[in-house]
Amino acid sequence: MERPRRIEAALFDFDGTLCDTEVHNTALLRDIFYGMGVPVTEEDLLGLAGGDDYLTVPPLLERYDARGTLEDYMRERDECYRTYHEADLAPEPGSLTLLEELRGRGVRVGLVSTTVSRCILTALNRLGMTGYFDAVICGDLVRRRKPAPDPYLAALDLLDASPSRAVVFEDSPTGIASGRAAGCYVFGYRGGSLEQNVSSADEVLDTFEGLEL
């Protein structure tokens, strides 16, 4: 897909894209799985990034004959709130400059995350980033999470923007699939600490610094 010549909306994932939370979340998830007798690999953990736990976690629990259920996992998973409330977080280099430049041009800006609202809004408030976004869609606000197109379609609807004139920034295969399924041009961001395969994106970014749209 060709990059839109005129951009109406720019939609950003949060975890691993605008903010490098994934390294904190991955460590917490590893501890949860180990406590359930599930010796997850790095590949297993990468497969969870950006996706819907209700779809991705049950196969892992079954494969490793876990001591516990999905409900047990989800209760422990709430501990990831600590990442957004307590961890030393910072916006990715160049991201605030890009957000300011887009808003200055009148481009509508949205945040689209699989993470639940409580976590995302806590992090945005701590980072002073809430005012950068015209719409925020989180995992608890849609029926189907990424890789389904629903989160991005919901954001586009709120922003009154066409997919053909929108760009998406994602760091995971799951998120990229969601953006592409929504009909958007997708940038694959690989500047975070968790190295994921972003080759399915329309364009790959190592940094937001110096990006011209």
N, C-alpha and C. Protein backbone atom coordinates (compact mmCIF):
# COMPACT_ATOMS: atom_id res chain seq x y z
N MET A 1 0.84 -1.19 0.00
CA MET A 1 0.00 0.00 0.00
C MET A 1 0.88 1.26 0.00
N GLU A 2 0.48 2.25 -0.76
CA GLU A 2 1.23 3.51 -0.82
C GLU A 2 0.86 4.40 0.36
N ARG A 3 1.85 5.15 0.85
CA ARG A 3 1.59 6.09 1.94
C ARG A 3 0.60 7.15 1.45
N PRO A 4 -0.42 7.49 2.24
CA PRO A 4 -1.39 8.52 1.81
C PRO A 4 -0.71 9.85 1.52
N ARG A 5 -1.13 10.49 0.45
CA ARG A 5 -0.56 11.79 0.11
C ARG A 5 -1.06 12.88 1.07
N ARG A 6 -2.30 12.75 1.50
CA ARG A 6 -2.84 13.68 2.49
C ARG A 6 -3.35 12.89 3.67
N ILE A 7 -2.84 13.17 4.84
CA ILE A 7 -3.17 12.40 6.03
C ILE A 7 -4.20 13.15 6.86
N GLU A 8 -5.32 12.47 7.14
CA GLU A 8 -6.36 13.04 8.00
C GLU A 8 -6.19 12.63 9.45
N ALA A 9 -5.67 11.42 9.65
CA ALA A 9 -5.57 10.89 11.02
C ALA A 9 -4.31 10.06 11.18
N ALA A 10 -3.73 10.14 12.36
CA ALA A 10 -2.58 9.31 12.73
C ALA A 10 -2.93 8.57 14.01
N LEU A 11 -2.81 7.26 13.98
CA LEU A 11 -3.22 6.41 15.09
C LEU A 11 -2.01 5.66 15.64
N PHE A 12 -1.83 5.75 16.95
CA PHE A 12 -0.65 5.19 17.59
C PHE A 12 -1.01 4.10 18.60
N ASP A 13 -0.31 3.00 18.53
CA ASP A 13 -0.30 2.03 19.62
C ASP A 13 0.48 2.67 20.77
N PHE A 14 0.29 2.15 21.99
CA PHE A 14 1.01 2.71 23.13
C PHE A 14 2.19 1.83 23.56
N ASP A 15 1.89 0.62 24.01
CA ASP A 15 2.92 -0.25 24.57
C ASP A 15 3.95 -0.66 23.52
N GLY A 16 5.19 -0.26 23.73
CA GLY A 16 6.25 -0.62 22.80
C GLY A 16 6.36 0.30 21.60
N THR A 17 5.40 1.22 21.46
CA THR A 17 5.42 2.16 20.33
C THR A 17 5.66 3.58 20.83
N LEU A 18 4.70 4.13 21.55
CA LEU A 18 4.89 5.46 22.13
C LEU A 18 5.67 5.42 23.44
N CYS A 19 5.61 4.27 24.11
CA CYS A 19 6.27 4.14 25.42
C CYS A 19 6.76 2.71 25.57
N ASP A 20 7.98 2.55 26.05
CA ASP A 20 8.60 1.22 26.13
C ASP A 20 8.20 0.51 27.42
N THR A 21 6.92 0.14 27.50
CA THR A 21 6.41 -0.59 28.66
C THR A 21 6.62 -2.09 28.55
N GLU A 22 6.84 -2.58 27.34
CA GLU A 22 6.82 -4.02 27.11
C GLU A 22 7.87 -4.77 27.95
N VAL A 23 9.03 -4.17 28.17
CA VAL A 23 10.07 -4.86 28.93
C VAL A 23 9.60 -5.08 30.36
N HIS A 24 8.87 -4.12 30.92
CA HIS A 24 8.33 -4.28 32.28
C HIS A 24 7.22 -5.33 32.31
N ASN A 25 6.30 -5.24 31.35
CA ASN A 25 5.18 -6.17 31.30
C ASN A 25 5.64 -7.60 31.06
N THR A 26 6.63 -7.76 30.20
CA THR A 26 7.13 -9.10 29.90
C THR A 26 7.71 -9.77 31.13
N ALA A 27 8.44 -9.02 31.94
CA ALA A 27 9.02 -9.59 33.16
C ALA A 27 7.92 -10.03 34.12
N LEU A 28 6.86 -9.22 34.25
CA LEU A 28 5.75 -9.59 35.12
C LEU A 28 5.02 -10.83 34.61
N LEU A 29 4.79 -10.89 33.31
CA LEU A 29 4.10 -12.04 32.74
C LEU A 29 4.91 -13.32 32.90
N ARG A 30 6.21 -13.22 32.73
CA ARG A 30 7.06 -14.38 32.91
C ARG A 30 6.92 -14.94 34.33
N ASP A 31 6.90 -14.05 35.31
CA ASP A 31 6.74 -14.48 36.71
C ASP A 31 5.38 -15.14 36.93
N ILE A 32 4.33 -14.59 36.32
CA ILE A 32 3.00 -15.18 36.46
C ILE A 32 2.97 -16.59 35.90
N PHE A 33 3.50 -16.75 34.70
CA PHE A 33 3.49 -18.07 34.06
C PHE A 33 4.34 -19.08 34.84
N TYR A 34 5.50 -18.66 35.27
CA TYR A 34 6.35 -19.57 36.05
C TYR A 34 5.63 -20.02 37.31
N GLY A 35 4.89 -19.11 37.94
CA GLY A 35 4.13 -19.46 39.14
C GLY A 35 3.02 -20.45 38.87
N MET A 36 2.58 -20.52 37.61
CA MET A 36 1.54 -21.48 37.23
C MET A 36 2.14 -22.75 36.63
N GLY A 37 3.47 -22.89 36.72
CA GLY A 37 4.13 -24.07 36.18
C GLY A 37 4.24 -24.05 34.67
N VAL A 38 4.25 -22.86 34.08
CA VAL A 38 4.33 -22.73 32.62
C VAL A 38 5.69 -22.12 32.27
N PRO A 39 6.63 -22.94 31.75
CA PRO A 39 7.98 -22.46 31.43
C PRO A 39 8.02 -21.73 30.08
N VAL A 40 7.41 -20.56 30.03
CA VAL A 40 7.29 -19.84 28.76
C VAL A 40 8.66 -19.46 28.21
N THR A 41 8.74 -19.47 26.90
CA THR A 41 9.95 -19.05 26.20
C THR A 41 9.80 -17.59 25.78
N GLU A 42 10.89 -16.99 25.32
CA GLU A 42 10.82 -15.63 24.79
C GLU A 42 9.88 -15.57 23.60
N GLU A 43 9.87 -16.61 22.79
CA GLU A 43 8.97 -16.65 21.63
C GLU A 43 7.51 -16.65 22.08
N ASP A 44 7.22 -17.43 23.15
CA ASP A 44 5.86 -17.44 23.69
C ASP A 44 5.43 -16.04 24.12
N LEU A 45 6.30 -15.35 24.84
CA LEU A 45 5.98 -14.03 25.35
C LEU A 45 5.81 -13.01 24.23
N LEU A 46 6.63 -13.12 23.19
CA LEU A 46 6.48 -12.24 22.04
C LEU A 46 5.13 -12.43 21.39
N GLY A 47 4.66 -13.67 21.37
CA GLY A 47 3.37 -13.96 20.76
C GLY A 47 2.19 -13.35 21.49
N LEU A 48 2.40 -12.97 22.75
CA LEU A 48 1.34 -12.35 23.53
C LEU A 48 1.28 -10.84 23.34
N ALA A 49 2.38 -10.25 22.89
CA ALA A 49 2.49 -8.79 22.83
C ALA A 49 1.44 -8.20 21.89
N GLY A 50 0.66 -7.28 22.42
CA GLY A 50 -0.31 -6.56 21.61
C GLY A 50 -1.58 -7.31 21.27
N GLY A 51 -1.71 -8.54 21.78
CA GLY A 51 -2.85 -9.35 21.41
C GLY A 51 -3.91 -9.45 22.49
N ASP A 52 -4.90 -10.30 22.23
CA ASP A 52 -6.03 -10.51 23.13
C ASP A 52 -5.72 -11.72 24.00
N ASP A 53 -5.53 -11.51 25.29
CA ASP A 53 -5.17 -12.60 26.21
C ASP A 53 -6.19 -13.73 26.19
N TYR A 54 -7.46 -13.41 25.95
CA TYR A 54 -8.48 -14.44 25.96
C TYR A 54 -8.32 -15.42 24.79
N LEU A 55 -7.58 -15.00 23.76
CA LEU A 55 -7.31 -15.86 22.62
C LEU A 55 -5.92 -16.49 22.68
N THR A 56 -4.93 -15.74 23.17
CA THR A 56 -3.54 -16.20 23.09
C THR A 56 -3.08 -17.00 24.29
N VAL A 57 -3.67 -16.75 25.47
CA VAL A 57 -3.19 -17.42 26.68
C VAL A 57 -3.68 -18.87 26.82
N PRO A 58 -4.97 -19.19 26.55
CA PRO A 58 -5.43 -20.57 26.74
C PRO A 58 -4.58 -21.64 26.05
N PRO A 59 -4.12 -21.44 24.80
CA PRO A 59 -3.26 -22.47 24.20
C PRO A 59 -1.97 -22.71 24.98
N LEU A 60 -1.40 -21.65 25.57
CA LEU A 60 -0.18 -21.81 26.37
C LEU A 60 -0.48 -22.60 27.64
N LEU A 61 -1.57 -22.30 28.30
CA LEU A 61 -1.92 -23.01 29.53
C LEU A 61 -2.16 -24.49 29.25
N GLU A 62 -2.80 -24.76 28.12
CA GLU A 62 -3.06 -26.15 27.76
C GLU A 62 -1.79 -26.87 27.35
N ARG A 63 -0.94 -26.21 26.56
CA ARG A 63 0.28 -26.84 26.08
C ARG A 63 1.19 -27.27 27.22
N TYR A 64 1.27 -26.44 28.26
CA TYR A 64 2.19 -26.72 29.36
C TYR A 64 1.49 -27.33 30.57
N ASP A 65 0.19 -27.70 30.42
CA ASP A 65 -0.56 -28.31 31.52
C ASP A 65 -0.44 -27.46 32.78
N ALA A 66 -0.88 -26.23 32.68
CA ALA A 66 -0.68 -25.24 33.73
C ALA A 66 -1.42 -25.59 35.02
N ARG A 67 -0.86 -25.12 36.13
CA ARG A 67 -1.52 -25.23 37.43
C ARG A 67 -2.40 -23.99 37.61
N GLY A 68 -3.59 -24.05 37.09
CA GLY A 68 -4.48 -22.89 37.18
C GLY A 68 -5.23 -22.69 35.89
N THR A 69 -6.16 -21.74 35.91
CA THR A 69 -7.05 -21.47 34.80
C THR A 69 -6.77 -20.09 34.20
N LEU A 70 -7.47 -19.81 33.10
CA LEU A 70 -7.36 -18.49 32.49
C LEU A 70 -7.79 -17.41 33.47
N GLU A 71 -8.82 -17.72 34.28
CA GLU A 71 -9.29 -16.74 35.26
C GLU A 71 -8.20 -16.45 36.30
N ASP A 72 -7.47 -17.48 36.71
CA ASP A 72 -6.35 -17.28 37.63
C ASP A 72 -5.30 -16.38 37.01
N TYR A 73 -4.99 -16.65 35.75
CA TYR A 73 -4.01 -15.83 35.04
C TYR A 73 -4.45 -14.37 34.97
N MET A 74 -5.72 -14.15 34.63
CA MET A 74 -6.20 -12.79 34.45
C MET A 74 -6.18 -12.02 35.77
N ARG A 75 -6.45 -12.70 36.88
CA ARG A 75 -6.36 -12.03 38.18
C ARG A 75 -4.93 -11.58 38.45
N GLU A 76 -3.98 -12.45 38.15
CA GLU A 76 -2.57 -12.09 38.34
C GLU A 76 -2.14 -11.03 37.33
N ARG A 77 -2.72 -11.09 36.15
CA ARG A 77 -2.37 -10.16 35.07
C ARG A 77 -2.65 -8.71 35.47
N ASP A 78 -3.62 -8.53 36.35
CA ASP A 78 -3.93 -7.17 36.81
C ASP A 78 -2.74 -6.51 37.49
N GLU A 79 -1.76 -7.32 37.91
CA GLU A 79 -0.57 -6.75 38.53
C GLU A 79 0.22 -5.89 37.53
N CYS A 80 -0.03 -6.09 36.24
CA CYS A 80 0.67 -5.28 35.24
C CYS A 80 0.30 -3.81 35.36
N TYR A 81 -0.77 -3.52 36.10
CA TYR A 81 -1.10 -2.11 36.36
C TYR A 81 0.07 -1.39 37.01
N ARG A 82 0.88 -2.13 37.77
CA ARG A 82 2.04 -1.52 38.41
C ARG A 82 2.97 -0.88 37.40
N THR A 83 3.08 -1.48 36.21
CA THR A 83 3.94 -0.91 35.17
C THR A 83 3.53 0.53 34.87
N TYR A 84 2.24 0.75 34.72
CA TYR A 84 1.73 2.06 34.30
C TYR A 84 1.66 3.05 35.47
N HIS A 85 1.57 2.52 36.69
CA HIS A 85 1.42 3.36 37.87
C HIS A 85 2.75 3.67 38.55
N GLU A 86 3.73 2.74 38.44
CA GLU A 86 4.94 2.86 39.24
C GLU A 86 6.24 2.87 38.44
N ALA A 87 6.27 2.22 37.29
CA ALA A 87 7.54 2.08 36.56
C ALA A 87 8.05 3.42 36.05
N ASP A 88 9.35 3.48 35.82
CA ASP A 88 9.99 4.68 35.28
C ASP A 88 9.74 4.72 33.78
N LEU A 89 8.69 5.41 33.37
CA LEU A 89 8.28 5.45 31.97
C LEU A 89 8.68 6.78 31.32
N ALA A 90 8.89 6.73 30.01
CA ALA A 90 9.19 7.93 29.25
C ALA A 90 8.69 7.73 27.81
N PRO A 91 8.25 8.81 27.15
CA PRO A 91 7.86 8.70 25.74
C PRO A 91 9.06 8.29 24.89
N GLU A 92 8.81 7.56 23.83
CA GLU A 92 9.88 7.18 22.92
C GLU A 92 10.50 8.43 22.28
N PRO A 93 11.81 8.40 22.03
CA PRO A 93 12.49 9.58 21.46
C PRO A 93 11.81 10.07 20.17
N GLY A 94 11.55 11.34 20.11
CA GLY A 94 10.96 11.93 18.92
C GLY A 94 9.45 11.85 18.84
N SER A 95 8.82 11.06 19.74
CA SER A 95 7.38 10.85 19.62
C SER A 95 6.58 12.12 19.94
N LEU A 96 6.98 12.85 20.98
CA LEU A 96 6.23 14.06 21.33
C LEU A 96 6.37 15.13 20.25
N THR A 97 7.55 15.23 19.67
CA THR A 97 7.75 16.19 18.59
C THR A 97 6.84 15.85 17.41
N LEU A 98 6.74 14.57 17.08
CA LEU A 98 5.88 14.14 15.98
C LEU A 98 4.42 14.44 16.30
N LEU A 99 3.99 14.12 17.52
CA LEU A 99 2.60 14.38 17.90
C LEU A 99 2.28 15.87 17.81
N GLU A 100 3.19 16.70 18.29
CA GLU A 100 2.98 18.14 18.23
C GLU A 100 2.91 18.64 16.79
N GLU A 101 3.78 18.10 15.95
CA GLU A 101 3.80 18.51 14.54
C GLU A 101 2.51 18.11 13.84
N LEU A 102 2.03 16.91 14.11
CA LEU A 102 0.78 16.46 13.48
C LEU A 102 -0.40 17.31 13.93
N ARG A 103 -0.49 17.57 15.22
CA ARG A 103 -1.60 18.37 15.72
C ARG A 103 -1.53 19.80 15.19
N GLY A 104 -0.32 20.31 15.04
CA GLY A 104 -0.15 21.65 14.49
C GLY A 104 -0.63 21.78 13.06
N ARG A 105 -0.60 20.66 12.33
CA ARG A 105 -1.08 20.64 10.94
C ARG A 105 -2.56 20.33 10.85
N GLY A 106 -3.22 20.10 11.97
CA GLY A 106 -4.63 19.79 11.96
C GLY A 106 -4.95 18.33 11.73
N VAL A 107 -3.92 17.45 11.82
CA VAL A 107 -4.14 16.01 11.69
C VAL A 107 -4.77 15.50 12.99
N ARG A 108 -5.85 14.72 12.88
CA ARG A 108 -6.49 14.16 14.06
C ARG A 108 -5.64 12.99 14.58
N VAL A 109 -5.44 12.93 15.88
CA VAL A 109 -4.52 11.95 16.46
C VAL A 109 -5.27 11.05 17.43
N GLY A 110 -5.07 9.74 17.28
CA GLY A 110 -5.71 8.78 18.17
C GLY A 110 -4.71 7.82 18.77
N LEU A 111 -5.07 7.30 19.92
CA LEU A 111 -4.29 6.25 20.56
C LEU A 111 -5.15 4.99 20.58
N VAL A 112 -4.58 3.87 20.14
CA VAL A 112 -5.33 2.61 20.02
C VAL A 112 -4.52 1.50 20.67
N SER A 113 -5.03 0.98 21.79
CA SER A 113 -4.27 0.00 22.56
C SER A 113 -5.13 -1.20 22.95
N THR A 114 -4.50 -2.35 23.06
CA THR A 114 -5.18 -3.52 23.59
C THR A 114 -5.26 -3.46 25.11
N THR A 115 -4.37 -2.73 25.73
CA THR A 115 -4.34 -2.60 27.18
C THR A 115 -5.59 -1.88 27.67
N VAL A 116 -6.06 -2.23 28.87
CA VAL A 116 -7.31 -1.67 29.38
C VAL A 116 -7.14 -0.19 29.75
N SER A 117 -8.27 0.50 29.82
CA SER A 117 -8.29 1.95 30.00
C SER A 117 -7.58 2.39 31.28
N ARG A 118 -7.80 1.67 32.38
CA ARG A 118 -7.21 2.07 33.65
C ARG A 118 -5.70 2.23 33.53
N CYS A 119 -5.05 1.28 32.85
CA CYS A 119 -3.60 1.33 32.70
C CYS A 119 -3.16 2.46 31.78
N ILE A 120 -3.79 2.54 30.61
CA ILE A 120 -3.39 3.53 29.62
C ILE A 120 -3.60 4.95 30.12
N LEU A 121 -4.75 5.22 30.70
CA LEU A 121 -5.02 6.58 31.18
C LEU A 121 -4.10 6.96 32.33
N THR A 122 -3.76 5.99 33.18
CA THR A 122 -2.80 6.25 34.25
C THR A 122 -1.45 6.67 33.67
N ALA A 123 -0.99 5.91 32.68
CA ALA A 123 0.30 6.22 32.06
C ALA A 123 0.27 7.57 31.35
N LEU A 124 -0.78 7.84 30.59
CA LEU A 124 -0.87 9.12 29.88
C LEU A 124 -0.86 10.30 30.85
N ASN A 125 -1.57 10.16 31.96
CA ASN A 125 -1.59 11.24 32.95
C ASN A 125 -0.20 11.44 33.56
N ARG A 126 0.48 10.33 33.87
CA ARG A 126 1.82 10.45 34.46
C ARG A 126 2.80 11.11 33.50
N LEU A 127 2.65 10.80 32.20
CA LEU A 127 3.57 11.31 31.19
C LEU A 127 3.16 12.69 30.66
N GLY A 128 2.00 13.18 31.07
CA GLY A 128 1.52 14.46 30.57
C GLY A 128 1.15 14.42 29.10
N MET A 129 0.67 13.26 28.63
CA MET A 129 0.40 13.08 27.20
C MET A 129 -1.09 13.08 26.85
N THR A 130 -1.96 13.19 27.83
CA THR A 130 -3.39 13.06 27.57
C THR A 130 -3.88 14.05 26.51
N GLY A 131 -3.40 15.27 26.56
CA GLY A 131 -3.87 16.31 25.66
C GLY A 131 -3.44 16.16 24.21
N TYR A 132 -2.59 15.19 23.91
CA TYR A 132 -2.12 15.00 22.54
C TYR A 132 -3.15 14.25 21.68
N PHE A 133 -4.14 13.62 22.30
CA PHE A 133 -5.01 12.70 21.56
C PHE A 133 -6.45 13.19 21.48
N ASP A 134 -7.00 13.09 20.28
CA ASP A 134 -8.39 13.44 20.04
C ASP A 134 -9.32 12.26 20.34
N ALA A 135 -8.77 11.06 20.36
CA ALA A 135 -9.55 9.86 20.67
C ALA A 135 -8.61 8.82 21.28
N VAL A 136 -9.14 8.08 22.25
CA VAL A 136 -8.38 6.99 22.88
C VAL A 136 -9.28 5.75 22.91
N ILE A 137 -8.81 4.69 22.28
CA ILE A 137 -9.53 3.40 22.29
C ILE A 137 -8.66 2.37 22.99
N CYS A 138 -9.21 1.75 24.04
CA CYS A 138 -8.47 0.74 24.79
C CYS A 138 -9.15 -0.62 24.67
N GLY A 139 -8.48 -1.65 25.16
CA GLY A 139 -8.94 -3.01 24.95
C GLY A 139 -10.29 -3.32 25.57
N ASP A 140 -10.65 -2.61 26.63
CA ASP A 140 -11.93 -2.86 27.27
C ASP A 140 -13.08 -2.07 26.65
N LEU A 141 -12.81 -1.36 25.56
CA LEU A 141 -13.83 -0.55 24.92
C LEU A 141 -14.34 -1.14 23.61
N VAL A 142 -13.80 -2.26 23.19
CA VAL A 142 -14.22 -2.90 21.95
C VAL A 142 -14.53 -4.38 22.21
N ARG A 143 -15.38 -4.93 21.36
CA ARG A 143 -15.75 -6.34 21.52
C ARG A 143 -14.63 -7.26 21.09
N ARG A 144 -13.99 -6.92 19.98
CA ARG A 144 -12.86 -7.73 19.47
C ARG A 144 -11.59 -6.88 19.50
N ARG A 145 -10.55 -7.42 20.10
CA ARG A 145 -9.29 -6.71 20.21
C ARG A 145 -8.40 -7.03 19.01
N LYS A 146 -7.25 -6.38 18.94
CA LYS A 146 -6.27 -6.70 17.90
C LYS A 146 -5.96 -8.20 17.98
N PRO A 147 -5.82 -8.90 16.84
CA PRO A 147 -5.59 -8.42 15.48
C PRO A 147 -6.84 -8.07 14.67
N ALA A 148 -8.02 -8.15 15.28
CA ALA A 148 -9.23 -7.72 14.57
C ALA A 148 -9.12 -6.21 14.28
N PRO A 149 -9.79 -5.74 13.26
CA PRO A 149 -9.70 -4.31 12.91
C PRO A 149 -10.51 -3.40 13.82
N ASP A 150 -11.34 -3.97 14.68
CA ASP A 150 -12.31 -3.21 15.47
C ASP A 150 -11.71 -2.01 16.22
N PRO A 151 -10.58 -2.15 16.92
CA PRO A 151 -10.06 -0.98 17.65
C PRO A 151 -9.73 0.20 16.74
N TYR A 152 -9.10 -0.08 15.61
CA TYR A 152 -8.75 1.01 14.69
C TYR A 152 -9.98 1.58 13.99
N LEU A 153 -10.93 0.73 13.67
CA LEU A 153 -12.16 1.22 13.05
C LEU A 153 -12.94 2.10 14.03
N ALA A 154 -12.94 1.73 15.30
CA ALA A 154 -13.61 2.54 16.31
C ALA A 154 -12.96 3.91 16.43
N ALA A 155 -11.63 3.95 16.41
CA ALA A 155 -10.91 5.23 16.49
C ALA A 155 -11.19 6.09 15.27
N LEU A 156 -11.16 5.48 14.10
CA LEU A 156 -11.44 6.23 12.87
C LEU A 156 -12.85 6.81 12.88
N ASP A 157 -13.79 6.05 13.42
CA ASP A 157 -15.16 6.53 13.51
C ASP A 157 -15.25 7.75 14.43
N LEU A 158 -14.57 7.69 15.58
CA LEU A 158 -14.57 8.82 16.50
C LEU A 158 -13.90 10.05 15.89
N LEU A 159 -12.89 9.81 15.09
CA LEU A 159 -12.14 10.92 14.47
C LEU A 159 -12.75 11.38 13.16
N ASP A 160 -13.80 10.67 12.70
CA ASP A 160 -14.44 10.97 11.43
C ASP A 160 -13.41 11.03 10.30
N ALA A 161 -12.59 9.96 10.24
CA ALA A 161 -11.51 9.90 9.26
C ALA A 161 -11.63 8.63 8.42
N SER A 162 -11.16 8.71 7.21
CA SER A 162 -11.18 7.58 6.29
C SER A 162 -9.93 6.72 6.47
N PRO A 163 -10.04 5.39 6.44
CA PRO A 163 -8.86 4.53 6.54
C PRO A 163 -7.82 4.83 5.47
N SER A 164 -8.28 5.20 4.29
CA SER A 164 -7.35 5.46 3.18
C SER A 164 -6.53 6.73 3.40
N ARG A 165 -6.94 7.55 4.35
CA ARG A 165 -6.20 8.77 4.66
C ARG A 165 -5.67 8.75 6.10
N ALA A 166 -5.46 7.53 6.59
CA ALA A 166 -4.96 7.38 7.96
C ALA A 166 -3.68 6.56 7.97
N VAL A 167 -2.81 6.86 8.93
CA VAL A 167 -1.60 6.06 9.14
C VAL A 167 -1.62 5.51 10.56
N VAL A 168 -1.05 4.32 10.71
CA VAL A 168 -1.01 3.62 11.98
C VAL A 168 0.44 3.36 12.36
N PHE A 169 0.75 3.46 13.64
CA PHE A 169 2.10 3.15 14.14
C PHE A 169 1.98 2.01 15.14
N GLU A 170 2.66 0.90 14.84
CA GLU A 170 2.56 -0.32 15.65
C GLU A 170 3.93 -0.97 15.80
N ASP A 171 4.08 -1.77 16.86
CA ASP A 171 5.35 -2.45 17.08
C ASP A 171 5.24 -3.96 17.08
N SER A 172 4.05 -4.52 16.86
CA SER A 172 3.88 -5.98 16.93
C SER A 172 3.16 -6.50 15.70
N PRO A 173 3.38 -7.77 15.36
CA PRO A 173 2.65 -8.36 14.23
C PRO A 173 1.14 -8.31 14.44
N THR A 174 0.70 -8.50 15.67
CA THR A 174 -0.73 -8.46 15.98
C THR A 174 -1.31 -7.08 15.70
N GLY A 175 -0.62 -6.04 16.15
CA GLY A 175 -1.09 -4.68 15.92
C GLY A 175 -1.04 -4.29 14.46
N ILE A 176 0.02 -4.71 13.79
CA ILE A 176 0.13 -4.41 12.35
C ILE A 176 -1.02 -5.05 11.59
N ALA A 177 -1.34 -6.30 11.93
CA ALA A 177 -2.46 -6.99 11.27
C ALA A 177 -3.77 -6.24 11.51
N SER A 178 -3.95 -5.70 12.70
CA SER A 178 -5.16 -4.94 13.02
C SER A 178 -5.26 -3.69 12.18
N GLY A 179 -4.17 -2.93 12.11
CA GLY A 179 -4.18 -1.71 11.31
C GLY A 179 -4.41 -1.96 9.84
N ARG A 180 -3.77 -3.00 9.32
CA ARG A 180 -3.93 -3.32 7.90
C ARG A 180 -5.35 -3.81 7.62
N ALA A 181 -5.91 -4.59 8.54
CA ALA A 181 -7.28 -5.08 8.35
C ALA A 181 -8.29 -3.93 8.35
N ALA A 182 -7.92 -2.84 9.04
CA ALA A 182 -8.80 -1.67 9.06
C ALA A 182 -8.65 -0.83 7.79
N GLY A 183 -7.68 -1.19 6.94
CA GLY A 183 -7.49 -0.49 5.68
C GLY A 183 -6.53 0.68 5.75
N CYS A 184 -5.69 0.73 6.79
CA CYS A 184 -4.77 1.85 6.98
C CYS A 184 -3.35 1.50 6.51
N TYR A 185 -2.60 2.53 6.23
CA TYR A 185 -1.16 2.40 5.97
C TYR A 185 -0.47 2.26 7.32
N VAL A 186 0.37 1.22 7.46
CA VAL A 186 0.94 0.91 8.77
C VAL A 186 2.46 1.03 8.79
N PHE A 187 2.94 1.80 9.77
CA PHE A 187 4.36 1.86 10.07
C PHE A 187 4.67 0.82 11.15
N GLY A 188 5.72 0.04 10.92
CA GLY A 188 6.19 -0.90 11.93
C GLY A 188 7.34 -0.28 12.70
N TYR A 189 7.14 -0.04 13.99
CA TYR A 189 8.15 0.63 14.81
C TYR A 189 9.00 -0.40 15.55
N ARG A 190 10.31 -0.28 15.42
CA ARG A 190 11.19 -1.24 16.08
C ARG A 190 12.26 -0.53 16.94
N GLY A 191 11.87 0.60 17.50
CA GLY A 191 12.80 1.34 18.35
C GLY A 191 12.76 0.95 19.81
N GLY A 192 11.78 0.10 20.20
CA GLY A 192 11.66 -0.30 21.59
C GLY A 192 12.63 -1.41 21.96
N SER A 193 12.61 -1.80 23.24
CA SER A 193 13.57 -2.80 23.72
C SER A 193 13.14 -4.23 23.40
N LEU A 194 11.85 -4.45 23.12
CA LEU A 194 11.36 -5.78 22.79
C LEU A 194 11.36 -5.94 21.27
N GLU A 195 12.28 -6.73 20.76
CA GLU A 195 12.44 -6.86 19.32
C GLU A 195 11.38 -7.78 18.74
N GLN A 196 10.52 -7.22 17.89
CA GLN A 196 9.45 -7.99 17.26
C GLN A 196 9.55 -7.90 15.75
N ASN A 197 8.91 -8.84 15.10
CA ASN A 197 8.93 -8.89 13.64
C ASN A 197 7.89 -7.93 13.08
N VAL A 198 8.35 -6.85 12.45
CA VAL A 198 7.43 -5.85 11.89
C VAL A 198 7.48 -5.85 10.37
N SER A 199 7.95 -6.95 9.79
CA SER A 199 8.13 -7.00 8.34
C SER A 199 6.83 -6.93 7.56
N SER A 200 5.69 -7.20 8.23
CA SER A 200 4.40 -7.15 7.53
C SER A 200 3.87 -5.73 7.41
N ALA A 201 4.56 -4.76 7.99
CA ALA A 201 4.13 -3.35 7.90
C ALA A 201 4.41 -2.80 6.50
N ASP A 202 3.74 -1.73 6.17
CA ASP A 202 3.99 -1.07 4.88
C ASP A 202 5.32 -0.35 4.86
N GLU A 203 5.77 0.10 6.03
CA GLU A 203 7.02 0.83 6.14
C GLU A 203 7.58 0.59 7.55
N VAL A 204 8.88 0.47 7.66
CA VAL A 204 9.52 0.18 8.94
C VAL A 204 10.27 1.40 9.45
N LEU A 205 10.10 1.68 10.76
CA LEU A 205 10.75 2.82 11.41
C LEU A 205 11.66 2.34 12.52
N ASP A 206 12.86 2.91 12.61
CA ASP A 206 13.73 2.65 13.75
C ASP A 206 13.60 3.72 14.81
N THR A 207 13.11 4.90 14.42
CA THR A 207 12.94 6.02 15.34
C THR A 207 11.90 6.98 14.81
N PHE A 208 11.27 7.72 15.72
CA PHE A 208 10.35 8.78 15.31
C PHE A 208 11.09 10.06 14.96
N GLU A 209 12.32 10.15 15.38
CA GLU A 209 13.09 11.37 15.18
C GLU A 209 13.33 11.62 13.69
N GLY A 210 12.98 12.80 13.25
CA GLY A 210 13.19 13.18 11.86
C GLY A 210 12.16 12.65 10.89
N LEU A 211 11.13 11.96 11.37
CA LEU A 211 10.11 11.42 10.47
C LEU A 211 9.29 12.55 9.87
N GLU A 212 9.13 12.52 8.55
CA GLU A 212 8.31 13.51 7.86
C GLU A 212 7.11 12.81 7.23
N LEU A 213 5.93 13.32 7.52
CA LEU A 213 4.71 12.73 6.98
C LEU A 213 4.01 13.71 6.05
